[in-house]
Structure formats: C-alpha cells, structure tokens
Amino acid sequence: MLLGLVGLWLREFVDIDSVAGWAEFIVGFLLVGIGVRAMWVARRMKIHEHEHKHENGVGTHSHVHDHRSGRLGHSHVVLGLGVFHGVAGGGYLFGVLPALALPTYQAIIYLMAYVAGSVVAMSAFASGVGKLARKSVRWIRELMFLSGALATAIGGVWIVTTWRF
C-alpha cells in the first residue's frame, strides 16, 4: 500500500519503464540466487517428527522441525525481495495502472482492495503448500528442493529474456 502511494507520487518524476527494465533484469539473478540457496538448504535440512508435550502439560501432538545449526532467526529478506520484484517488470501495470487513471482518493481505495486481494490469494496458496508439507516430513525437503530448482530455471529464462544490451 505504501509503495503504491509512493508510486502515485513519483509517477510525475520517474521514468517507470527504465527503472522497471533494470529491476526486471536483476530479478532474474535474484531468482537464481534464491533457487540455488533453497536447493542447498533443502539438502542440508535435518527434519524429523516427534511427539512433544507443552510445559503446561496440556496437549501432546506431533511436531515437525529442522535442526540446522547457526540459524539466526527470521530475516526480512523475503520482504525485500518481494518489494524489489514488485518494482520489476510490466506486471505491476495490470495491478496499478487503473490507480494511475483514477482520482487520488479512488486510487487509494483501489490500491487497498488490490493489496487485500493479493494477501488473500497468497495466504490461500501458502495454506495449500503448508497442508501438503504436513502430510509427510519427506514432502518438506522435496517441495523446497523442487521450488528451488523451479526458481533457478525461471531466473535463468528471466535473465535471457530481459537482456537488453
């Protein structure tokens, strides 16, 4: 939402096509990097499943987790990649173009609806992937490796098709 508002403000000052072209080219390298890292992490994961009981003694359930060492907690890399990917390419035109043609208050309402719809769609997809991964511990590693291989392949194609030099 915030980026959409910034885009509305910057539309008068920035050559969007130029920025989008470079960003789209760089996204190909980011996809390759993400894919290679995902495959590497998937092969090193030590996932297992066991029963555990909470400290308060309530409920015993199956728990799946990874015992990788040296993990530093969560990061905001995914958010940064998503923002960068959002700047890239012509795909943003289909989502944001109507907002550029509307008066400001209607553009803001449109962008809020667009964001809400995107969040619902991505949440539904993530929920489906999560349900698939919960079926078997084995699926987690295989799904991660397959996703990495797919990201690497798409990134390679992306680089080749956006090369403009």
N, C-alpha and C. Protein backbone atom coordinates (compact mmCIF):
# COMPACT_ATOMS: atom_id res chain seq x y z
N MET A 1 0.83 -1.18 0.00
CA MET A 1 0.00 0.00 0.00
C MET A 1 0.88 1.25 0.00
N LEU A 2 1.86 1.25 0.89
CA LEU A 2 2.76 2.39 0.98
C LEU A 2 3.50 2.61 -0.33
N LEU A 3 3.97 1.51 -0.93
CA LEU A 3 4.68 1.64 -2.21
C LEU A 3 3.76 2.13 -3.31
N GLY A 4 2.49 1.73 -3.26
CA GLY A 4 1.54 2.23 -4.25
C GLY A 4 1.35 3.73 -4.13
N LEU A 5 1.30 4.21 -2.90
CA LEU A 5 1.16 5.65 -2.69
C LEU A 5 2.41 6.39 -3.15
N VAL A 6 3.58 5.81 -2.86
CA VAL A 6 4.83 6.41 -3.33
C VAL A 6 4.84 6.43 -4.85
N GLY A 7 4.36 5.35 -5.47
CA GLY A 7 4.29 5.29 -6.93
C GLY A 7 3.39 6.37 -7.51
N LEU A 8 2.26 6.59 -6.83
CA LEU A 8 1.38 7.67 -7.29
C LEU A 8 2.10 9.01 -7.26
N TRP A 9 2.87 9.24 -6.21
CA TRP A 9 3.60 10.50 -6.06
C TRP A 9 4.73 10.61 -7.09
N LEU A 10 5.46 9.49 -7.31
CA LEU A 10 6.63 9.51 -8.20
C LEU A 10 6.27 9.46 -9.68
N ARG A 11 5.03 9.17 -10.01
CA ARG A 11 4.69 9.00 -11.43
C ARG A 11 5.01 10.23 -12.27
N GLU A 12 5.11 11.36 -11.63
CA GLU A 12 5.42 12.60 -12.36
C GLU A 12 6.92 12.80 -12.58
N PHE A 13 7.76 12.12 -11.79
CA PHE A 13 9.19 12.42 -11.77
C PHE A 13 10.10 11.31 -12.29
N VAL A 14 9.61 10.09 -12.38
CA VAL A 14 10.48 8.94 -12.66
C VAL A 14 10.08 8.28 -13.98
N ASP A 15 11.09 7.88 -14.74
CA ASP A 15 10.84 7.10 -15.95
C ASP A 15 10.62 5.64 -15.52
N ILE A 16 9.36 5.30 -15.32
CA ILE A 16 9.00 3.99 -14.77
C ILE A 16 9.50 2.85 -15.66
N ASP A 17 9.45 3.01 -16.97
CA ASP A 17 9.89 1.94 -17.87
C ASP A 17 11.37 1.63 -17.69
N SER A 18 12.19 2.64 -17.51
CA SER A 18 13.62 2.44 -17.33
C SER A 18 13.92 1.71 -16.02
N VAL A 19 13.30 2.17 -14.94
CA VAL A 19 13.51 1.54 -13.63
C VAL A 19 13.01 0.10 -13.67
N ALA A 20 11.83 -0.12 -14.25
CA ALA A 20 11.26 -1.46 -14.31
C ALA A 20 12.11 -2.41 -15.14
N GLY A 21 12.68 -1.91 -16.24
CA GLY A 21 13.52 -2.76 -17.09
C GLY A 21 14.75 -3.27 -16.35
N TRP A 22 15.44 -2.37 -15.66
CA TRP A 22 16.62 -2.79 -14.88
C TRP A 22 16.22 -3.70 -13.73
N ALA A 23 15.15 -3.35 -13.05
CA ALA A 23 14.71 -4.17 -11.92
C ALA A 23 14.33 -5.57 -12.38
N GLU A 24 13.68 -5.66 -13.51
CA GLU A 24 13.28 -6.96 -14.03
C GLU A 24 14.50 -7.82 -14.37
N PHE A 25 15.51 -7.21 -14.95
CA PHE A 25 16.75 -7.92 -15.27
C PHE A 25 17.42 -8.45 -13.99
N ILE A 26 17.47 -7.62 -12.97
CA ILE A 26 18.10 -8.01 -11.70
C ILE A 26 17.29 -9.10 -11.00
N VAL A 27 15.97 -9.08 -11.16
CA VAL A 27 15.12 -10.11 -10.55
C VAL A 27 15.54 -11.50 -11.03
N GLY A 28 15.95 -11.63 -12.28
CA GLY A 28 16.41 -12.93 -12.78
C GLY A 28 17.56 -13.47 -11.95
N PHE A 29 18.52 -12.61 -11.63
CA PHE A 29 19.66 -13.04 -10.80
C PHE A 29 19.21 -13.36 -9.38
N LEU A 30 18.26 -12.58 -8.86
CA LEU A 30 17.75 -12.86 -7.52
C LEU A 30 17.04 -14.22 -7.49
N LEU A 31 16.27 -14.52 -8.52
CA LEU A 31 15.60 -15.82 -8.58
C LEU A 31 16.60 -16.97 -8.63
N VAL A 32 17.65 -16.81 -9.41
CA VAL A 32 18.69 -17.85 -9.48
C VAL A 32 19.32 -18.02 -8.09
N GLY A 33 19.65 -16.92 -7.45
CA GLY A 33 20.26 -16.98 -6.12
C GLY A 33 19.35 -17.64 -5.10
N ILE A 34 18.08 -17.25 -5.11
CA ILE A 34 17.11 -17.85 -4.18
C ILE A 34 16.97 -19.34 -4.46
N GLY A 35 16.90 -19.69 -5.72
CA GLY A 35 16.74 -21.10 -6.09
C GLY A 35 17.92 -21.96 -5.67
N VAL A 36 19.12 -21.48 -5.94
CA VAL A 36 20.32 -22.24 -5.57
C VAL A 36 20.38 -22.40 -4.05
N ARG A 37 20.10 -21.31 -3.34
CA ARG A 37 20.14 -21.38 -1.87
C ARG A 37 19.07 -22.34 -1.35
N ALA A 38 17.87 -22.31 -1.91
CA ALA A 38 16.80 -23.21 -1.46
C ALA A 38 17.19 -24.67 -1.67
N MET A 39 17.80 -24.99 -2.81
CA MET A 39 18.23 -26.37 -3.06
C MET A 39 19.32 -26.78 -2.08
N TRP A 40 20.25 -25.87 -1.80
CA TRP A 40 21.35 -26.16 -0.87
C TRP A 40 20.80 -26.40 0.54
N VAL A 41 19.90 -25.52 0.98
CA VAL A 41 19.32 -25.67 2.32
C VAL A 41 18.48 -26.94 2.39
N ALA A 42 17.72 -27.25 1.35
CA ALA A 42 16.88 -28.45 1.35
C ALA A 42 17.72 -29.71 1.52
N ARG A 43 18.86 -29.75 0.90
CA ARG A 43 19.71 -30.94 1.01
C ARG A 43 20.37 -31.05 2.39
N ARG A 44 20.54 -29.93 3.08
CA ARG A 44 21.19 -29.95 4.39
C ARG A 44 20.21 -30.06 5.55
N MET A 45 18.92 -29.92 5.27
CA MET A 45 17.92 -29.95 6.34
C MET A 45 17.88 -31.31 7.02
N LYS A 46 17.75 -31.26 8.33
CA LYS A 46 17.57 -32.49 9.12
C LYS A 46 16.22 -32.36 9.80
N ILE A 47 15.21 -32.72 9.06
CA ILE A 47 13.84 -32.59 9.56
C ILE A 47 13.41 -33.92 10.17
N HIS A 48 12.79 -33.83 11.33
CA HIS A 48 12.23 -35.03 11.91
C HIS A 48 10.93 -34.68 12.61
N GLU A 49 10.22 -35.71 12.95
CA GLU A 49 8.90 -35.54 13.55
C GLU A 49 8.89 -36.33 14.85
N HIS A 50 8.33 -35.73 15.88
CA HIS A 50 8.21 -36.44 17.15
C HIS A 50 7.03 -35.88 17.95
N GLU A 51 6.64 -36.63 18.94
CA GLU A 51 5.58 -36.17 19.84
C GLU A 51 6.22 -35.28 20.89
N HIS A 52 5.52 -34.24 21.29
CA HIS A 52 6.01 -33.44 22.40
C HIS A 52 4.84 -32.89 23.21
N LYS A 53 5.15 -32.58 24.44
CA LYS A 53 4.15 -32.06 25.36
C LYS A 53 4.56 -30.65 25.75
N HIS A 54 3.60 -29.77 25.84
CA HIS A 54 3.88 -28.40 26.23
C HIS A 54 4.20 -28.32 27.72
N GLU A 55 4.88 -27.25 28.13
CA GLU A 55 5.30 -27.09 29.52
C GLU A 55 4.13 -27.11 30.49
N ASN A 56 3.00 -26.61 30.08
CA ASN A 56 1.85 -26.60 30.98
C ASN A 56 1.16 -27.96 31.04
N GLY A 57 1.69 -28.93 30.29
CA GLY A 57 1.18 -30.30 30.33
C GLY A 57 -0.04 -30.52 29.47
N VAL A 58 -0.51 -29.51 28.82
CA VAL A 58 -1.71 -29.63 28.00
C VAL A 58 -1.34 -30.02 26.58
N GLY A 59 -1.92 -31.11 26.12
CA GLY A 59 -1.80 -31.49 24.72
C GLY A 59 -0.48 -32.08 24.30
N THR A 60 -0.52 -33.26 23.76
CA THR A 60 0.62 -33.88 23.12
C THR A 60 0.28 -33.95 21.65
N HIS A 61 1.21 -33.51 20.82
CA HIS A 61 0.95 -33.53 19.39
C HIS A 61 2.25 -33.74 18.63
N SER A 62 2.09 -34.08 17.37
CA SER A 62 3.24 -34.28 16.51
C SER A 62 3.84 -32.92 16.17
N HIS A 63 5.15 -32.87 16.14
CA HIS A 63 5.87 -31.61 15.92
C HIS A 63 6.97 -31.87 14.91
N VAL A 64 6.98 -31.11 13.82
CA VAL A 64 8.00 -31.23 12.79
C VAL A 64 8.91 -30.01 12.89
N HIS A 65 10.21 -30.25 12.91
CA HIS A 65 11.13 -29.12 12.92
C HIS A 65 12.47 -29.49 12.32
N ASP A 66 13.27 -28.47 12.13
CA ASP A 66 14.57 -28.57 11.49
C ASP A 66 15.65 -28.26 12.52
N HIS A 67 16.71 -29.02 12.52
CA HIS A 67 17.80 -28.82 13.48
C HIS A 67 19.04 -28.24 12.83
N ARG A 68 18.87 -27.30 11.91
CA ARG A 68 20.05 -26.68 11.32
C ARG A 68 20.75 -25.85 12.38
N SER A 69 22.05 -25.90 12.37
CA SER A 69 22.80 -25.09 13.33
C SER A 69 23.14 -23.74 12.71
N GLY A 70 23.37 -22.77 13.55
CA GLY A 70 23.78 -21.46 13.08
C GLY A 70 22.65 -20.61 12.55
N ARG A 71 21.43 -20.97 12.83
CA ARG A 71 20.30 -20.16 12.37
C ARG A 71 20.23 -18.89 13.20
N LEU A 72 19.99 -17.79 12.53
CA LEU A 72 19.98 -16.50 13.20
C LEU A 72 18.57 -15.95 13.37
N GLY A 73 17.56 -16.76 13.30
CA GLY A 73 16.20 -16.28 13.43
C GLY A 73 15.66 -15.84 12.08
N HIS A 74 14.57 -15.14 12.11
CA HIS A 74 13.96 -14.72 10.85
C HIS A 74 14.65 -13.47 10.32
N SER A 75 14.43 -13.24 9.06
CA SER A 75 15.00 -12.04 8.46
C SER A 75 13.94 -11.41 7.58
N HIS A 76 14.23 -10.24 7.11
CA HIS A 76 13.29 -9.53 6.26
C HIS A 76 13.71 -9.61 4.79
N VAL A 77 14.51 -10.60 4.47
CA VAL A 77 14.98 -10.77 3.10
C VAL A 77 13.80 -11.01 2.16
N VAL A 78 12.86 -11.83 2.59
CA VAL A 78 11.72 -12.15 1.73
C VAL A 78 10.92 -10.88 1.43
N LEU A 79 10.72 -10.04 2.41
CA LEU A 79 10.01 -8.79 2.18
C LEU A 79 10.77 -7.92 1.18
N GLY A 80 12.08 -7.81 1.36
CA GLY A 80 12.88 -7.01 0.44
C GLY A 80 12.82 -7.54 -0.98
N LEU A 81 12.91 -8.86 -1.12
CA LEU A 81 12.82 -9.46 -2.45
C LEU A 81 11.45 -9.22 -3.07
N GLY A 82 10.42 -9.32 -2.26
CA GLY A 82 9.06 -9.08 -2.76
C GLY A 82 8.88 -7.64 -3.22
N VAL A 83 9.41 -6.70 -2.46
CA VAL A 83 9.32 -5.29 -2.85
C VAL A 83 10.08 -5.07 -4.15
N PHE A 84 11.28 -5.61 -4.24
CA PHE A 84 12.09 -5.45 -5.45
C PHE A 84 11.37 -6.06 -6.64
N HIS A 85 10.81 -7.25 -6.43
CA HIS A 85 10.09 -7.92 -7.50
C HIS A 85 8.86 -7.12 -7.92
N GLY A 86 8.23 -6.46 -6.97
CA GLY A 86 7.07 -5.63 -7.28
C GLY A 86 7.42 -4.43 -8.14
N VAL A 87 8.65 -3.93 -8.01
CA VAL A 87 9.10 -2.79 -8.81
C VAL A 87 9.42 -3.24 -10.23
N ALA A 88 9.77 -4.50 -10.38
CA ALA A 88 10.24 -5.00 -11.66
C ALA A 88 9.09 -5.31 -12.61
N GLY A 89 9.40 -5.21 -13.86
CA GLY A 89 8.55 -5.73 -14.91
C GLY A 89 7.29 -4.95 -15.19
N GLY A 90 6.58 -5.42 -16.17
CA GLY A 90 5.34 -4.79 -16.57
C GLY A 90 4.14 -5.32 -15.82
N GLY A 91 4.32 -6.35 -15.01
CA GLY A 91 3.20 -6.94 -14.28
C GLY A 91 2.52 -5.95 -13.36
N TYR A 92 3.28 -5.02 -12.83
CA TYR A 92 2.67 -4.03 -11.93
C TYR A 92 1.64 -3.19 -12.67
N LEU A 93 1.80 -3.06 -13.97
CA LEU A 93 0.86 -2.25 -14.74
C LEU A 93 -0.56 -2.78 -14.64
N PHE A 94 -0.70 -4.10 -14.66
CA PHE A 94 -2.04 -4.67 -14.59
C PHE A 94 -2.69 -4.39 -13.24
N GLY A 95 -1.89 -4.33 -12.20
CA GLY A 95 -2.43 -4.05 -10.88
C GLY A 95 -2.56 -2.59 -10.57
N VAL A 96 -1.60 -1.79 -11.01
CA VAL A 96 -1.54 -0.39 -10.60
C VAL A 96 -2.06 0.57 -11.67
N LEU A 97 -2.05 0.17 -12.91
CA LEU A 97 -2.47 1.07 -13.99
C LEU A 97 -3.84 1.71 -13.74
N PRO A 98 -4.84 0.94 -13.33
CA PRO A 98 -6.12 1.59 -13.05
C PRO A 98 -6.01 2.69 -11.99
N ALA A 99 -5.14 2.50 -11.00
CA ALA A 99 -4.98 3.52 -9.95
C ALA A 99 -4.40 4.80 -10.52
N LEU A 100 -3.54 4.68 -11.51
CA LEU A 100 -2.94 5.87 -12.10
C LEU A 100 -3.96 6.70 -12.87
N ALA A 101 -5.02 6.07 -13.32
CA ALA A 101 -6.04 6.77 -14.10
C ALA A 101 -7.16 7.34 -13.23
N LEU A 102 -7.17 6.98 -11.95
CA LEU A 102 -8.25 7.42 -11.06
C LEU A 102 -7.86 8.67 -10.29
N PRO A 103 -8.86 9.39 -9.80
CA PRO A 103 -8.54 10.48 -8.87
C PRO A 103 -7.88 9.88 -7.62
N THR A 104 -7.12 10.69 -6.91
CA THR A 104 -6.29 10.19 -5.81
C THR A 104 -7.08 9.39 -4.79
N TYR A 105 -8.20 9.89 -4.31
CA TYR A 105 -8.94 9.15 -3.27
C TYR A 105 -9.45 7.81 -3.80
N GLN A 106 -9.89 7.74 -5.05
CA GLN A 106 -10.34 6.47 -5.63
C GLN A 106 -9.15 5.55 -5.86
N ALA A 107 -8.00 6.10 -6.22
CA ALA A 107 -6.79 5.31 -6.42
C ALA A 107 -6.38 4.65 -5.10
N ILE A 108 -6.48 5.38 -4.01
CA ILE A 108 -6.13 4.82 -2.70
C ILE A 108 -7.07 3.68 -2.34
N ILE A 109 -8.36 3.84 -2.58
CA ILE A 109 -9.33 2.77 -2.31
C ILE A 109 -9.03 1.56 -3.19
N TYR A 110 -8.73 1.81 -4.46
CA TYR A 110 -8.40 0.72 -5.38
C TYR A 110 -7.16 -0.04 -4.90
N LEU A 111 -6.11 0.71 -4.51
CA LEU A 111 -4.88 0.06 -4.05
C LEU A 111 -5.12 -0.76 -2.79
N MET A 112 -5.96 -0.27 -1.88
CA MET A 112 -6.28 -1.03 -0.67
C MET A 112 -6.97 -2.35 -1.03
N ALA A 113 -7.89 -2.29 -1.98
CA ALA A 113 -8.58 -3.51 -2.42
C ALA A 113 -7.61 -4.46 -3.12
N TYR A 114 -6.71 -3.91 -3.92
CA TYR A 114 -5.72 -4.72 -4.62
C TYR A 114 -4.81 -5.43 -3.63
N VAL A 115 -4.35 -4.70 -2.61
CA VAL A 115 -3.49 -5.29 -1.58
C VAL A 115 -4.24 -6.39 -0.83
N ALA A 116 -5.47 -6.12 -0.44
CA ALA A 116 -6.26 -7.12 0.29
C ALA A 116 -6.44 -8.38 -0.55
N GLY A 117 -6.77 -8.22 -1.82
CA GLY A 117 -6.92 -9.38 -2.70
C GLY A 117 -5.63 -10.16 -2.86
N SER A 118 -4.52 -9.45 -2.96
CA SER A 118 -3.22 -10.12 -3.09
C SER A 118 -2.88 -10.91 -1.84
N VAL A 119 -3.15 -10.33 -0.68
CA VAL A 119 -2.86 -11.02 0.58
C VAL A 119 -3.71 -12.28 0.71
N VAL A 120 -4.99 -12.19 0.36
CA VAL A 120 -5.87 -13.36 0.43
C VAL A 120 -5.37 -14.45 -0.52
N ALA A 121 -5.02 -14.09 -1.74
CA ALA A 121 -4.55 -15.08 -2.72
C ALA A 121 -3.26 -15.74 -2.27
N MET A 122 -2.29 -14.94 -1.79
CA MET A 122 -1.02 -15.51 -1.34
C MET A 122 -1.20 -16.37 -0.09
N SER A 123 -2.09 -15.96 0.80
CA SER A 123 -2.36 -16.74 2.00
C SER A 123 -2.98 -18.08 1.65
N ALA A 124 -3.90 -18.08 0.70
CA ALA A 124 -4.53 -19.34 0.27
C ALA A 124 -3.48 -20.28 -0.34
N PHE A 125 -2.59 -19.73 -1.16
CA PHE A 125 -1.53 -20.55 -1.76
C PHE A 125 -0.62 -21.11 -0.68
N ALA A 126 -0.18 -20.27 0.26
CA ALA A 126 0.71 -20.72 1.33
C ALA A 126 0.03 -21.77 2.21
N SER A 127 -1.26 -21.61 2.43
CA SER A 127 -2.00 -22.59 3.21
C SER A 127 -2.02 -23.95 2.52
N GLY A 128 -2.22 -23.92 1.21
CA GLY A 128 -2.21 -25.18 0.45
C GLY A 128 -0.86 -25.85 0.49
N VAL A 129 0.21 -25.09 0.35
CA VAL A 129 1.56 -25.65 0.41
C VAL A 129 1.82 -26.21 1.82
N GLY A 130 1.38 -25.48 2.84
CA GLY A 130 1.54 -25.94 4.22
C GLY A 130 0.83 -27.25 4.48
N LYS A 131 -0.39 -27.39 3.94
CA LYS A 131 -1.14 -28.63 4.12
C LYS A 131 -0.42 -29.79 3.42
N LEU A 132 0.11 -29.53 2.25
CA LEU A 132 0.86 -30.57 1.54
C LEU A 132 2.10 -30.98 2.34
N ALA A 133 2.81 -30.01 2.89
CA ALA A 133 4.03 -30.30 3.64
C ALA A 133 3.72 -31.06 4.93
N ARG A 134 2.56 -30.82 5.54
CA ARG A 134 2.22 -31.52 6.78
C ARG A 134 1.88 -32.98 6.56
N LYS A 135 1.59 -33.37 5.34
CA LYS A 135 1.24 -34.77 5.07
C LYS A 135 2.40 -35.72 5.37
N SER A 136 3.61 -35.22 5.15
CA SER A 136 4.78 -36.07 5.37
C SER A 136 6.00 -35.18 5.53
N VAL A 137 6.87 -35.59 6.46
CA VAL A 137 8.12 -34.87 6.66
C VAL A 137 8.94 -34.87 5.38
N ARG A 138 8.90 -35.95 4.65
CA ARG A 138 9.64 -36.10 3.41
C ARG A 138 9.25 -35.03 2.39
N TRP A 139 7.98 -34.65 2.38
CA TRP A 139 7.50 -33.66 1.41
C TRP A 139 8.13 -32.30 1.61
N ILE A 140 8.49 -31.96 2.82
CA ILE A 140 9.03 -30.62 3.10
C ILE A 140 10.32 -30.41 2.32
N ARG A 141 11.25 -31.35 2.45
CA ARG A 141 12.52 -31.23 1.74
C ARG A 141 12.33 -31.28 0.23
N GLU A 142 11.52 -32.20 -0.23
CA GLU A 142 11.31 -32.34 -1.67
C GLU A 142 10.62 -31.12 -2.26
N LEU A 143 9.65 -30.58 -1.56
CA LEU A 143 8.96 -29.38 -2.03
C LEU A 143 9.91 -28.19 -2.06
N MET A 144 10.76 -28.07 -1.06
CA MET A 144 11.72 -26.97 -1.02
C MET A 144 12.74 -27.10 -2.15
N PHE A 145 13.24 -28.32 -2.38
CA PHE A 145 14.21 -28.53 -3.45
C PHE A 145 13.58 -28.26 -4.82
N LEU A 146 12.37 -28.76 -5.04
CA LEU A 146 11.67 -28.54 -6.31
C LEU A 146 11.40 -27.05 -6.54
N SER A 147 10.99 -26.36 -5.49
CA SER A 147 10.76 -24.91 -5.61
C SER A 147 12.05 -24.18 -5.97
N GLY A 148 13.17 -24.61 -5.36
CA GLY A 148 14.46 -24.01 -5.67
C GLY A 148 14.87 -24.26 -7.11
N ALA A 149 14.67 -25.47 -7.58
CA ALA A 149 15.02 -25.80 -8.97
C ALA A 149 14.16 -24.99 -9.94
N LEU A 150 12.88 -24.86 -9.62
CA LEU A 150 11.98 -24.08 -10.47
C LEU A 150 12.38 -22.60 -10.47
N ALA A 151 12.70 -22.06 -9.31
CA ALA A 151 13.13 -20.66 -9.23
C ALA A 151 14.41 -20.44 -10.03
N THR A 152 15.34 -21.37 -9.96
CA THR A 152 16.59 -21.25 -10.71
C THR A 152 16.32 -21.26 -12.21
N ALA A 153 15.48 -22.17 -12.65
CA ALA A 153 15.15 -22.24 -14.08
C ALA A 153 14.43 -20.98 -14.56
N ILE A 154 13.45 -20.54 -13.80
CA ILE A 154 12.72 -19.32 -14.18
C ILE A 154 13.66 -18.12 -14.18
N GLY A 155 14.55 -18.04 -13.18
CA GLY A 155 15.52 -16.95 -13.13
C GLY A 155 16.42 -16.93 -14.35
N GLY A 156 16.86 -18.11 -14.79
CA GLY A 156 17.70 -18.19 -15.98
C GLY A 156 16.97 -17.69 -17.22
N VAL A 157 15.73 -18.13 -17.38
CA VAL A 157 14.92 -17.67 -18.51
C VAL A 157 14.68 -16.16 -18.40
N TRP A 158 14.43 -15.70 -17.20
CA TRP A 158 14.18 -14.27 -16.95
C TRP A 158 15.38 -13.43 -17.38
N ILE A 159 16.58 -13.89 -17.02
CA ILE A 159 17.80 -13.16 -17.39
C ILE A 159 17.94 -13.08 -18.91
N VAL A 160 17.76 -14.21 -19.57
CA VAL A 160 17.92 -14.27 -21.03
C VAL A 160 16.89 -13.39 -21.73
N THR A 161 15.65 -13.43 -21.27
CA THR A 161 14.60 -12.68 -21.98
C THR A 161 14.59 -11.19 -21.66
N THR A 162 15.25 -10.77 -20.60
CA THR A 162 15.26 -9.33 -20.27
C THR A 162 16.60 -8.68 -20.59
N TRP A 163 17.53 -9.43 -21.14
CA TRP A 163 18.85 -8.88 -21.51
C TRP A 163 18.65 -7.86 -22.63
N ARG A 164 19.04 -6.62 -22.39
CA ARG A 164 18.77 -5.55 -23.37
C ARG A 164 20.03 -4.84 -23.83
N PHE A 165 21.17 -5.44 -23.69
CA PHE A 165 22.41 -4.74 -24.04
C PHE A 165 22.91 -5.15 -25.40
